[in-house]
Amino acid sequence: MPYETQQCEVEPDVSAPEFPVQFCPVCSLWLEPRRCKMICPQCGYFMSCSDYE
């Protein structure tokens, strides 16, 4: 039985590039920017501007 290939119909959103630094290393949630910090709304992890520059 031959395998059929299917094309993905969903195109990636390239308007907003994602970078690993934008995600919490503890729970993988999106970090929210607040002043000069990136804060995880779920677990409270944060990075200051000097950590990701």
C-alpha atoms as a PDB file:
ATOM      1  CA  MET A   1       0.000   0.000   0.000  1.00  0.00           C
ATOM      2  CA  PRO A   2       1.731   3.228  -1.111  1.00  0.00           C
ATOM      3  CA  TYR A   3       1.981   6.156   1.259  1.00  0.00           C
ATOM      4  CA  GLU A   4       0.331   9.381   0.244  1.00  0.00           C
ATOM      5  CA  THR A   5       2.055  12.647   0.961  1.00  0.00           C
ATOM      6  CA  GLN A   6      -0.045  15.517   2.187  1.00  0.00           C
ATOM      7  CA  GLN A   7       0.833  19.168   2.035  1.00  0.00           C
ATOM      8  CA  CYS A   8       0.361  21.282   5.116  1.00  0.00           C
ATOM      9  CA  GLU A   9      -2.197  23.961   4.350  1.00  0.00           C
ATOM     10  CA  VAL A  10      -1.262  26.160   7.298  1.00  0.00           C
ATOM     11  CA  GLU A  11       1.490  28.631   6.516  1.00  0.00           C
ATOM     12  CA  PRO A  12       3.773  29.804   9.321  1.00  0.00           C
ATOM     13  CA  ASP A  13       3.353  33.351  10.574  1.00  0.00           C
ATOM     14  CA  VAL A  14       6.564  35.062   9.494  1.00  0.00           C
ATOM     15  CA  SER A  15       5.412  38.554  10.470  1.00  0.00           C
ATOM     16  CA  ALA A  16       6.543  38.056  14.086  1.00  0.00           C
ATOM     17  CA  PRO A  17       9.739  36.026  14.362  1.00  0.00           C
ATOM     18  CA  GLU A  18      10.114  33.973  17.522  1.00  0.00           C
ATOM     19  CA  PHE A  19      13.378  33.718  19.393  1.00  0.00           C
ATOM     20  CA  PRO A  20      14.249  31.207  22.119  1.00  0.00           C
ATOM     21  CA  VAL A  21      14.844  34.038  24.577  1.00  0.00           C
ATOM     22  CA  GLN A  22      11.127  34.907  24.354  1.00  0.00           C
ATOM     23  CA  PHE A  23      10.125  31.654  26.091  1.00  0.00           C
ATOM     24  CA  CYS A  24      10.389  30.666  29.755  1.00  0.00           C
ATOM     25  CA  PRO A  25      13.129  28.047  30.282  1.00  0.00           C
ATOM     26  CA  VAL A  26      11.153  26.621  33.231  1.00  0.00           C
ATOM     27  CA  CYS A  27       7.643  26.119  31.796  1.00  0.00           C
ATOM     28  CA  SER A  28       8.029  27.124  28.097  1.00  0.00           C
ATOM     29  CA  LEU A  29       5.347  29.813  28.245  1.00  0.00           C
ATOM     30  CA  TRP A  30       5.774  33.087  26.320  1.00  0.00           C
ATOM     31  CA  LEU A  31       7.621  35.701  28.414  1.00  0.00           C
ATOM     32  CA  GLU A  32       5.845  39.052  28.721  1.00  0.00           C
ATOM     33  CA  PRO A  33       7.918  42.239  28.392  1.00  0.00           C
ATOM     34  CA  ARG A  34       7.582  44.621  31.351  1.00  0.00           C
ATOM     35  CA  ARG A  35       9.849  47.655  31.513  1.00  0.00           C
ATOM     36  CA  CYS A  36      13.344  46.200  31.370  1.00  0.00           C
ATOM     37  CA  LYS A  37      12.348  42.625  32.206  1.00  0.00           C
ATOM     38  CA  MET A  38      10.835  39.602  30.528  1.00  0.00           C
ATOM     39  CA  ILE A  39       8.483  37.889  33.017  1.00  0.00           C
ATOM     40  CA  CYS A  40       6.698  34.531  32.871  1.00  0.00           C
ATOM     41  CA  PRO A  41       3.053  35.009  33.916  1.00  0.00           C
ATOM     42  CA  GLN A  42       2.742  31.351  34.986  1.00  0.00           C
ATOM     43  CA  CYS A  43       5.789  30.545  37.122  1.00  0.00           C
ATOM     44  CA  GLY A  44       7.239  34.011  37.822  1.00  0.00           C
ATOM     45  CA  TYR A  45      10.610  33.408  36.148  1.00  0.00           C
ATOM     46  CA  PHE A  46      12.159  36.632  34.900  1.00  0.00           C
ATOM     47  CA  MET A  47      15.159  37.952  33.023  1.00  0.00           C
ATOM     48  CA  SER A  48      16.426  41.503  33.173  1.00  0.00           C
ATOM     49  CA  CYS A  49      17.564  43.389  30.067  1.00  0.00           C
ATOM     50  CA  SER A  50      21.204  42.648  30.844  1.00  0.00           C
ATOM     51  CA  ASP A  51      20.453  38.890  30.741  1.00  0.00           C
ATOM     52  CA  TYR A  52      19.248  38.841  27.126  1.00  0.00           C
ATOM     53  CA  GLU A  53      21.321  41.552  25.437  1.00  0.00           C
END
